[in-house]
């Protein structure tokens, strides 16, 4: 039997679980470094995805708790859109990635992992970043430390999120 070691997953199985909406919890604890918030304004915040599809995967999350984008007021929607645009620029210039997927999964049927609180995803992409191990083994290989990526993006975030 072959073994794939992923020591960073120990935190997932051993850490205290958050009661209620995880995004509302993060929004109330923006200064907690372990939550990896990159930026916040009065309407939303930008945070690293704790379970990323690719290194550098970020999300833009409104403070307003809803599962329906049609319930967001215009100022919140505009602020989120602005932060997505700025986040894409940050990823392209600092990672640097060759492309970025952006989007929302609204509802469980659409693939939302946390369906009760709307949020945008920004996923940096590179040519050839899907390889045989994902296709054959159903395993993702991340070529970088998540902590190093967070620190690099956090250091540069102030000049992008103006």
N, C-alpha and C. Protein backbone atom coordinates (compact mmCIF):
# COMPACT_ATOMS: atom_id res chain seq x y z
N UNK A 1 0.84 -1.18 0.00
CA UNK A 1 0.00 0.00 0.00
C UNK A 1 0.88 1.24 0.00
N UNK A 2 0.54 2.21 -0.86
CA UNK A 2 1.28 3.46 -0.90
C UNK A 2 0.64 4.46 0.04
N UNK A 3 1.45 5.38 0.55
CA UNK A 3 0.95 6.38 1.49
C UNK A 3 1.22 7.78 0.94
N UNK A 4 0.25 8.64 1.11
CA UNK A 4 0.39 10.04 0.74
C UNK A 4 0.26 10.84 2.04
N UNK A 5 1.33 11.49 2.44
CA UNK A 5 1.32 12.24 3.69
C UNK A 5 0.85 13.67 3.45
N UNK A 6 -0.07 14.11 4.29
CA UNK A 6 -0.60 15.47 4.21
C UNK A 6 -0.73 16.00 5.64
N UNK A 7 0.40 16.36 6.27
CA UNK A 7 0.36 16.74 7.68
C UNK A 7 -0.49 17.97 7.99
N UNK A 8 -0.71 18.85 7.02
CA UNK A 8 -1.54 20.03 7.25
C UNK A 8 -2.99 19.66 7.49
N UNK A 9 -3.41 18.47 7.09
CA UNK A 9 -4.80 18.03 7.28
C UNK A 9 -5.09 17.72 8.75
N UNK A 10 -4.05 17.53 9.57
CA UNK A 10 -4.27 17.24 10.98
C UNK A 10 -5.06 18.36 11.64
N UNK A 11 -4.79 19.60 11.28
CA UNK A 11 -5.54 20.73 11.84
C UNK A 11 -7.03 20.57 11.57
N UNK A 12 -7.38 20.10 10.38
CA UNK A 12 -8.79 19.94 10.01
C UNK A 12 -9.49 18.95 10.92
N UNK A 13 -8.85 17.83 11.21
CA UNK A 13 -9.51 16.81 12.02
C UNK A 13 -9.41 17.07 13.51
N UNK A 14 -8.46 17.91 13.93
CA UNK A 14 -8.25 18.11 15.36
C UNK A 14 -8.73 19.46 15.89
N UNK A 15 -8.92 20.43 15.03
CA UNK A 15 -9.28 21.76 15.52
C UNK A 15 -10.75 21.83 15.94
N UNK A 16 -11.02 22.78 16.79
CA UNK A 16 -12.39 23.00 17.28
C UNK A 16 -13.27 23.47 16.13
N UNK A 17 -14.42 22.88 16.00
CA UNK A 17 -15.34 23.23 14.91
C UNK A 17 -16.10 24.51 15.26
N UNK A 18 -16.35 25.33 14.26
CA UNK A 18 -17.07 26.59 14.44
C UNK A 18 -18.57 26.32 14.44
N UNK A 19 -19.24 26.85 15.42
CA UNK A 19 -20.70 26.73 15.50
C UNK A 19 -21.34 27.77 14.58
N UNK A 20 -22.40 27.40 13.89
CA UNK A 20 -23.12 28.34 13.03
C UNK A 20 -22.39 28.58 11.72
N UNK A 21 -22.63 29.74 11.14
CA UNK A 21 -22.06 30.09 9.84
C UNK A 21 -20.58 30.44 9.97
N UNK A 22 -19.74 29.68 9.29
CA UNK A 22 -18.29 29.90 9.34
C UNK A 22 -17.93 31.28 8.77
N UNK A 23 -18.64 31.74 7.75
CA UNK A 23 -18.32 33.05 7.16
C UNK A 23 -18.70 34.20 8.09
N UNK A 24 -19.80 34.07 8.82
CA UNK A 24 -20.15 35.09 9.81
C UNK A 24 -19.12 35.10 10.93
N UNK A 25 -18.64 33.92 11.32
CA UNK A 25 -17.60 33.82 12.35
C UNK A 25 -16.33 34.54 11.90
N UNK A 26 -15.91 34.28 10.69
CA UNK A 26 -14.71 34.94 10.18
C UNK A 26 -14.92 36.45 10.14
N UNK A 27 -16.10 36.88 9.67
CA UNK A 27 -16.41 38.31 9.59
C UNK A 27 -16.36 39.03 10.93
N UNK A 28 -16.58 38.28 12.02
CA UNK A 28 -16.53 38.86 13.37
C UNK A 28 -15.15 38.74 13.99
N UNK A 29 -14.24 38.05 13.32
CA UNK A 29 -12.89 37.80 13.86
C UNK A 29 -11.82 38.08 12.81
N UNK A 30 -11.94 39.21 12.15
CA UNK A 30 -11.06 39.55 11.04
C UNK A 30 -9.58 39.60 11.40
N UNK A 31 -9.26 39.91 12.64
CA UNK A 31 -7.86 40.06 13.05
C UNK A 31 -7.21 38.74 13.43
N UNK A 32 -7.96 37.67 13.48
CA UNK A 32 -7.42 36.35 13.83
C UNK A 32 -6.60 35.83 12.66
N UNK A 33 -5.28 35.82 12.79
CA UNK A 33 -4.37 35.45 11.70
C UNK A 33 -4.64 34.06 11.15
N UNK A 34 -5.07 33.13 12.00
CA UNK A 34 -5.28 31.77 11.51
C UNK A 34 -6.46 31.68 10.54
N UNK A 35 -7.32 32.70 10.50
CA UNK A 35 -8.45 32.73 9.57
C UNK A 35 -8.03 33.24 8.20
N UNK A 36 -6.85 33.82 8.10
CA UNK A 36 -6.22 34.26 6.85
C UNK A 36 -7.06 35.25 6.03
N UNK A 37 -7.52 36.30 6.70
CA UNK A 37 -8.22 37.38 6.02
C UNK A 37 -7.18 38.32 5.42
N UNK A 38 -7.33 38.61 4.14
CA UNK A 38 -6.40 39.48 3.43
C UNK A 38 -6.80 40.95 3.47
N UNK A 39 -8.12 41.21 3.49
CA UNK A 39 -8.61 42.58 3.37
C UNK A 39 -10.07 42.62 3.81
N UNK A 40 -10.49 43.77 4.33
CA UNK A 40 -11.92 43.98 4.59
C UNK A 40 -12.28 45.45 4.43
N UNK A 41 -13.54 45.69 4.09
CA UNK A 41 -14.08 47.04 4.07
C UNK A 41 -15.42 46.98 4.81
N UNK A 42 -16.26 47.96 4.65
CA UNK A 42 -17.52 47.96 5.40
C UNK A 42 -18.56 46.98 4.86
N UNK A 43 -18.36 46.46 3.65
CA UNK A 43 -19.35 45.58 3.03
C UNK A 43 -18.95 44.11 2.94
N UNK A 44 -17.65 43.85 2.81
CA UNK A 44 -17.19 42.48 2.56
C UNK A 44 -15.75 42.31 2.99
N UNK A 45 -15.29 41.08 2.91
CA UNK A 45 -13.88 40.80 3.19
C UNK A 45 -13.35 39.77 2.20
N UNK A 46 -12.02 39.72 2.08
CA UNK A 46 -11.34 38.79 1.19
C UNK A 46 -10.54 37.84 2.07
N UNK A 47 -10.71 36.55 1.85
CA UNK A 47 -10.09 35.54 2.70
C UNK A 47 -9.56 34.40 1.85
N UNK A 48 -8.51 33.76 2.33
CA UNK A 48 -8.00 32.57 1.67
C UNK A 48 -8.98 31.43 1.91
N UNK A 49 -9.16 30.57 0.91
CA UNK A 49 -10.02 29.40 1.06
C UNK A 49 -9.25 28.36 1.85
N UNK A 50 -9.84 27.88 2.94
CA UNK A 50 -9.17 26.91 3.80
C UNK A 50 -8.99 25.55 3.12
N UNK A 51 -9.86 25.25 2.16
CA UNK A 51 -9.77 23.98 1.43
C UNK A 51 -9.74 24.29 -0.07
N UNK A 52 -8.59 24.81 -0.54
CA UNK A 52 -8.50 25.35 -1.90
C UNK A 52 -8.48 24.29 -3.00
N UNK A 53 -8.97 24.71 -4.17
CA UNK A 53 -8.85 23.90 -5.37
C UNK A 53 -7.47 24.07 -5.98
N UNK A 54 -6.88 25.25 -5.78
CA UNK A 54 -5.53 25.51 -6.25
C UNK A 54 -4.86 26.47 -5.27
N UNK A 55 -3.53 26.46 -5.19
CA UNK A 55 -2.83 27.36 -4.27
C UNK A 55 -3.17 28.82 -4.59
N UNK A 56 -3.54 29.59 -3.57
CA UNK A 56 -3.91 30.98 -3.77
C UNK A 56 -5.40 31.21 -3.90
N UNK A 57 -6.21 30.17 -3.83
CA UNK A 57 -7.67 30.25 -3.94
C UNK A 57 -8.21 31.19 -2.86
N UNK A 58 -8.83 32.29 -3.30
CA UNK A 58 -9.38 33.30 -2.39
C UNK A 58 -10.89 33.40 -2.57
N UNK A 59 -11.54 34.01 -1.58
CA UNK A 59 -12.98 34.25 -1.66
C UNK A 59 -13.29 35.68 -1.22
N UNK A 60 -14.36 36.24 -1.80
CA UNK A 60 -14.89 37.53 -1.37
C UNK A 60 -16.25 37.23 -0.75
N UNK A 61 -16.42 37.67 0.50
CA UNK A 61 -17.60 37.30 1.27
C UNK A 61 -18.25 38.56 1.86
N UNK A 62 -19.56 38.74 1.64
CA UNK A 62 -20.25 39.89 2.23
C UNK A 62 -20.46 39.67 3.73
N UNK A 63 -20.49 40.75 4.49
CA UNK A 63 -20.82 40.63 5.90
C UNK A 63 -22.28 40.25 6.08
N UNK A 64 -23.12 40.69 5.16
CA UNK A 64 -24.56 40.39 5.23
C UNK A 64 -24.78 38.90 4.98
N UNK A 65 -25.43 38.25 5.91
CA UNK A 65 -25.67 36.81 5.82
C UNK A 65 -26.92 36.53 4.98
N UNK A 66 -26.70 35.90 3.83
CA UNK A 66 -27.80 35.49 2.97
C UNK A 66 -27.31 34.41 2.01
N UNK A 67 -28.26 33.60 1.54
CA UNK A 67 -27.91 32.61 0.52
C UNK A 67 -28.42 33.03 -0.86
N UNK A 68 -28.91 34.28 -0.95
CA UNK A 68 -29.48 34.78 -2.21
C UNK A 68 -28.80 36.09 -2.61
N UNK A 69 -28.16 36.09 -3.78
CA UNK A 69 -27.50 37.33 -4.22
C UNK A 69 -28.51 38.45 -4.44
N UNK A 70 -29.74 38.08 -4.76
CA UNK A 70 -30.76 39.11 -4.99
C UNK A 70 -31.14 39.86 -3.71
N UNK A 71 -30.72 39.36 -2.53
CA UNK A 71 -30.97 40.05 -1.27
C UNK A 71 -29.85 41.02 -0.90
N UNK A 72 -28.75 40.99 -1.63
CA UNK A 72 -27.65 41.92 -1.34
C UNK A 72 -28.01 43.31 -1.83
N UNK A 73 -27.74 44.34 -1.02
CA UNK A 73 -28.00 45.70 -1.49
C UNK A 73 -26.97 46.08 -2.55
N UNK A 74 -27.26 47.10 -3.29
CA UNK A 74 -26.41 47.50 -4.42
C UNK A 74 -24.99 47.84 -3.99
N UNK A 75 -24.83 48.52 -2.84
CA UNK A 75 -23.49 48.88 -2.37
C UNK A 75 -22.65 47.63 -2.07
N UNK A 76 -23.26 46.63 -1.47
CA UNK A 76 -22.54 45.39 -1.16
C UNK A 76 -22.15 44.67 -2.45
N UNK A 77 -23.09 44.58 -3.38
CA UNK A 77 -22.81 43.92 -4.65
C UNK A 77 -21.67 44.62 -5.40
N UNK A 78 -21.70 45.94 -5.43
CA UNK A 78 -20.65 46.70 -6.11
C UNK A 78 -19.30 46.53 -5.41
N UNK A 79 -19.32 46.54 -4.08
CA UNK A 79 -18.07 46.37 -3.32
C UNK A 79 -17.48 44.98 -3.57
N UNK A 80 -18.31 43.96 -3.59
CA UNK A 80 -17.83 42.60 -3.86
C UNK A 80 -17.23 42.51 -5.26
N UNK A 81 -17.90 43.09 -6.22
CA UNK A 81 -17.40 43.06 -7.60
C UNK A 81 -16.05 43.76 -7.71
N UNK A 82 -15.92 44.89 -7.03
CA UNK A 82 -14.65 45.63 -7.02
C UNK A 82 -13.54 44.79 -6.40
N UNK A 83 -13.84 44.11 -5.29
CA UNK A 83 -12.82 43.29 -4.61
C UNK A 83 -12.44 42.07 -5.45
N UNK A 84 -13.38 41.51 -6.20
CA UNK A 84 -13.04 40.41 -7.10
C UNK A 84 -12.07 40.90 -8.17
N UNK A 85 -12.36 42.04 -8.77
CA UNK A 85 -11.47 42.59 -9.80
C UNK A 85 -10.08 42.85 -9.23
N UNK A 86 -10.01 43.43 -8.03
CA UNK A 86 -8.71 43.70 -7.40
C UNK A 86 -7.99 42.40 -7.03
N UNK A 87 -8.76 41.41 -6.55
CA UNK A 87 -8.17 40.12 -6.18
C UNK A 87 -7.58 39.39 -7.38
N UNK A 88 -8.25 39.47 -8.52
CA UNK A 88 -7.75 38.86 -9.74
C UNK A 88 -6.42 39.50 -10.12
N UNK A 89 -6.33 40.80 -10.03
CA UNK A 89 -5.08 41.49 -10.34
C UNK A 89 -3.98 41.06 -9.39
N UNK A 90 -4.29 40.96 -8.11
CA UNK A 90 -3.33 40.50 -7.11
C UNK A 90 -2.81 39.11 -7.47
N UNK A 91 -3.70 38.19 -7.78
CA UNK A 91 -3.29 36.83 -8.14
C UNK A 91 -2.42 36.79 -9.39
N UNK A 92 -2.82 37.53 -10.41
CA UNK A 92 -2.06 37.52 -11.67
C UNK A 92 -0.66 38.09 -11.49
N UNK A 93 -0.53 39.11 -10.67
CA UNK A 93 0.76 39.77 -10.54
C UNK A 93 1.66 39.17 -9.46
N UNK A 94 1.07 38.64 -8.41
CA UNK A 94 1.88 38.17 -7.28
C UNK A 94 2.11 36.67 -7.30
N UNK A 95 1.19 35.88 -7.78
CA UNK A 95 1.39 34.42 -7.74
C UNK A 95 2.53 33.96 -8.66
N UNK A 96 2.77 34.34 -9.82
CA UNK A 96 1.87 34.88 -10.83
C UNK A 96 1.19 33.72 -11.57
N UNK A 97 -0.09 33.85 -11.80
CA UNK A 97 -0.83 32.79 -12.48
C UNK A 97 -1.11 33.22 -13.92
N UNK A 98 -1.48 32.24 -14.73
CA UNK A 98 -1.72 32.49 -16.15
C UNK A 98 -3.19 32.73 -16.45
N UNK A 99 -4.03 32.46 -15.49
CA UNK A 99 -5.47 32.68 -15.64
C UNK A 99 -6.14 32.60 -14.27
N UNK A 100 -7.39 32.99 -14.20
CA UNK A 100 -8.14 32.95 -12.94
C UNK A 100 -9.57 32.54 -13.24
N UNK A 101 -10.08 31.56 -12.50
CA UNK A 101 -11.51 31.25 -12.54
C UNK A 101 -12.17 32.08 -11.45
N UNK A 102 -13.28 32.76 -11.78
CA UNK A 102 -14.07 33.45 -10.76
C UNK A 102 -15.50 32.95 -10.87
N UNK A 103 -16.20 32.94 -9.74
CA UNK A 103 -17.59 32.53 -9.79
C UNK A 103 -18.19 32.26 -8.43
N UNK A 104 -19.49 31.97 -8.47
CA UNK A 104 -20.26 31.63 -7.28
C UNK A 104 -21.00 30.33 -7.53
N UNK A 105 -21.12 29.52 -6.50
CA UNK A 105 -21.95 28.33 -6.54
C UNK A 105 -23.14 28.63 -5.63
N UNK A 106 -24.28 28.90 -6.20
CA UNK A 106 -25.46 29.29 -5.43
C UNK A 106 -26.36 28.08 -5.21
N UNK A 107 -26.35 27.57 -3.99
CA UNK A 107 -27.17 26.41 -3.64
C UNK A 107 -26.39 25.11 -3.74
N UNK A 108 -26.86 24.13 -3.00
CA UNK A 108 -26.21 22.82 -2.96
C UNK A 108 -26.16 22.19 -4.35
N UNK A 109 -27.25 22.30 -5.12
CA UNK A 109 -27.31 21.70 -6.46
C UNK A 109 -26.25 22.30 -7.39
N UNK A 110 -25.82 23.53 -7.10
CA UNK A 110 -24.81 24.19 -7.93
C UNK A 110 -23.39 23.92 -7.42
N UNK A 111 -23.27 23.15 -6.34
CA UNK A 111 -21.96 22.79 -5.83
C UNK A 111 -21.46 23.61 -4.66
N UNK A 112 -22.34 24.40 -4.04
CA UNK A 112 -21.92 25.22 -2.90
C UNK A 112 -21.56 24.34 -1.71
N UNK A 113 -20.35 24.51 -1.20
CA UNK A 113 -19.93 23.79 0.00
C UNK A 113 -20.50 24.43 1.25
N UNK A 114 -20.59 25.75 1.24
CA UNK A 114 -21.23 26.50 2.32
C UNK A 114 -22.36 27.27 1.65
N UNK A 115 -23.51 26.66 1.61
CA UNK A 115 -24.61 27.19 0.82
C UNK A 115 -25.40 28.31 1.51
N UNK A 116 -25.27 28.46 2.83
CA UNK A 116 -26.10 29.44 3.53
C UNK A 116 -25.58 30.88 3.46
N UNK A 117 -24.39 31.08 2.89
CA UNK A 117 -23.81 32.43 2.85
C UNK A 117 -23.12 32.61 1.50
N UNK A 118 -23.64 33.49 0.66
CA UNK A 118 -23.08 33.68 -0.68
C UNK A 118 -21.62 34.13 -0.60
N UNK A 119 -20.84 33.76 -1.60
CA UNK A 119 -19.44 34.14 -1.66
C UNK A 119 -18.90 33.90 -3.06
N UNK A 120 -17.97 34.75 -3.46
CA UNK A 120 -17.26 34.64 -4.74
C UNK A 120 -15.99 33.82 -4.54
N UNK A 121 -15.65 33.04 -5.53
CA UNK A 121 -14.37 32.32 -5.55
C UNK A 121 -13.46 32.96 -6.60
N UNK A 122 -12.17 33.01 -6.30
CA UNK A 122 -11.14 33.40 -7.26
C UNK A 122 -10.05 32.33 -7.19
N UNK A 123 -9.92 31.57 -8.27
CA UNK A 123 -8.96 30.46 -8.30
C UNK A 123 -7.88 30.72 -9.33
N UNK A 124 -6.63 30.88 -8.87
CA UNK A 124 -5.55 31.05 -9.84
C UNK A 124 -5.33 29.75 -10.61
N UNK A 125 -5.00 29.89 -11.89
CA UNK A 125 -4.80 28.71 -12.74
C UNK A 125 -3.52 28.88 -13.56
N UNK A 126 -2.92 27.75 -13.89
CA UNK A 126 -1.72 27.70 -14.72
C UNK A 126 -1.93 26.67 -15.81
N UNK A 127 -1.30 26.89 -16.95
CA UNK A 127 -1.35 25.89 -18.01
C UNK A 127 -0.77 24.58 -17.48
N UNK A 128 -1.49 23.50 -17.69
CA UNK A 128 -1.02 22.20 -17.24
C UNK A 128 -1.19 21.95 -15.75
N UNK A 129 -2.00 22.76 -15.04
CA UNK A 129 -2.14 22.54 -13.60
C UNK A 129 -3.04 21.35 -13.25
N UNK A 130 -3.72 20.78 -14.22
CA UNK A 130 -4.43 19.52 -14.01
C UNK A 130 -3.57 18.45 -14.63
N UNK A 131 -3.15 17.49 -13.80
CA UNK A 131 -2.24 16.49 -14.33
C UNK A 131 -2.78 15.08 -14.12
N UNK A 132 -1.99 14.13 -14.46
CA UNK A 132 -2.44 12.73 -14.44
C UNK A 132 -2.86 12.28 -13.05
N UNK A 133 -2.20 12.79 -11.99
CA UNK A 133 -2.53 12.29 -10.66
C UNK A 133 -3.95 12.70 -10.26
N UNK A 134 -4.41 13.88 -10.70
CA UNK A 134 -5.79 14.28 -10.44
C UNK A 134 -6.76 13.42 -11.23
N UNK A 135 -6.42 13.17 -12.48
CA UNK A 135 -7.30 12.39 -13.36
C UNK A 135 -7.36 10.92 -12.99
N UNK A 136 -6.21 10.33 -12.69
CA UNK A 136 -6.16 8.90 -12.43
C UNK A 136 -6.33 8.57 -10.95
N UNK A 137 -5.64 9.30 -10.09
CA UNK A 137 -5.64 8.97 -8.67
C UNK A 137 -6.68 9.70 -7.86
N UNK A 138 -7.33 10.71 -8.45
CA UNK A 138 -8.30 11.49 -7.68
C UNK A 138 -7.63 12.25 -6.54
N UNK A 139 -6.37 12.62 -6.73
CA UNK A 139 -5.59 13.31 -5.70
C UNK A 139 -5.08 14.62 -6.27
N UNK A 140 -5.12 15.67 -5.45
CA UNK A 140 -4.55 16.94 -5.89
C UNK A 140 -3.17 17.08 -5.27
N UNK A 141 -2.25 17.60 -6.04
CA UNK A 141 -0.91 17.88 -5.55
C UNK A 141 -0.74 19.39 -5.57
N UNK A 142 -0.41 19.95 -4.40
CA UNK A 142 -0.20 21.38 -4.31
C UNK A 142 1.31 21.64 -4.26
N UNK A 143 1.82 22.46 -5.19
CA UNK A 143 3.26 22.65 -5.28
C UNK A 143 3.83 23.71 -4.34
N UNK A 144 3.01 24.20 -3.41
CA UNK A 144 3.48 25.29 -2.55
C UNK A 144 2.84 25.20 -1.17
N UNK A 145 3.47 25.82 -0.20
CA UNK A 145 2.96 25.89 1.16
C UNK A 145 1.84 26.94 1.22
N UNK A 146 0.70 26.56 1.78
CA UNK A 146 -0.42 27.50 1.88
C UNK A 146 -0.05 28.70 2.75
N UNK A 147 0.71 28.46 3.81
CA UNK A 147 1.12 29.55 4.70
C UNK A 147 2.01 30.55 3.95
N UNK A 148 2.93 30.05 3.14
CA UNK A 148 3.80 30.94 2.36
C UNK A 148 2.98 31.76 1.36
N UNK A 149 2.02 31.13 0.73
CA UNK A 149 1.17 31.85 -0.23
C UNK A 149 0.37 32.93 0.47
N UNK A 150 -0.25 32.60 1.62
CA UNK A 150 -1.00 33.59 2.38
C UNK A 150 -0.11 34.77 2.74
N UNK A 151 1.07 34.50 3.27
CA UNK A 151 1.98 35.58 3.68
C UNK A 151 2.37 36.46 2.50
N UNK A 152 2.62 35.86 1.35
CA UNK A 152 2.99 36.62 0.15
C UNK A 152 1.83 37.51 -0.31
N UNK A 153 0.62 36.95 -0.33
CA UNK A 153 -0.55 37.73 -0.75
C UNK A 153 -0.90 38.80 0.28
N UNK A 154 -0.82 38.48 1.57
CA UNK A 154 -1.13 39.44 2.63
C UNK A 154 -0.17 40.62 2.59
N UNK A 155 1.10 40.35 2.35
CA UNK A 155 2.11 41.41 2.26
C UNK A 155 1.79 42.38 1.14
N UNK A 156 1.29 41.87 0.03
CA UNK A 156 1.02 42.70 -1.15
C UNK A 156 -0.41 43.23 -1.23
N UNK A 157 -1.32 42.68 -0.45
CA UNK A 157 -2.74 43.04 -0.53
C UNK A 157 -3.02 44.55 -0.39
N UNK A 158 -2.35 45.26 0.54
CA UNK A 158 -2.69 46.69 0.69
C UNK A 158 -2.59 47.53 -0.58
N UNK A 159 -1.67 47.20 -1.48
CA UNK A 159 -1.55 48.02 -2.68
C UNK A 159 -2.55 47.63 -3.76
N UNK A 160 -3.28 46.52 -3.56
CA UNK A 160 -4.28 46.08 -4.54
C UNK A 160 -5.70 46.42 -4.10
N UNK A 161 -5.96 46.28 -2.81
CA UNK A 161 -7.31 46.56 -2.29
C UNK A 161 -7.34 47.97 -1.74
N UNK A 162 -7.58 48.91 -2.62
CA UNK A 162 -7.59 50.34 -2.27
C UNK A 162 -8.99 50.85 -2.07
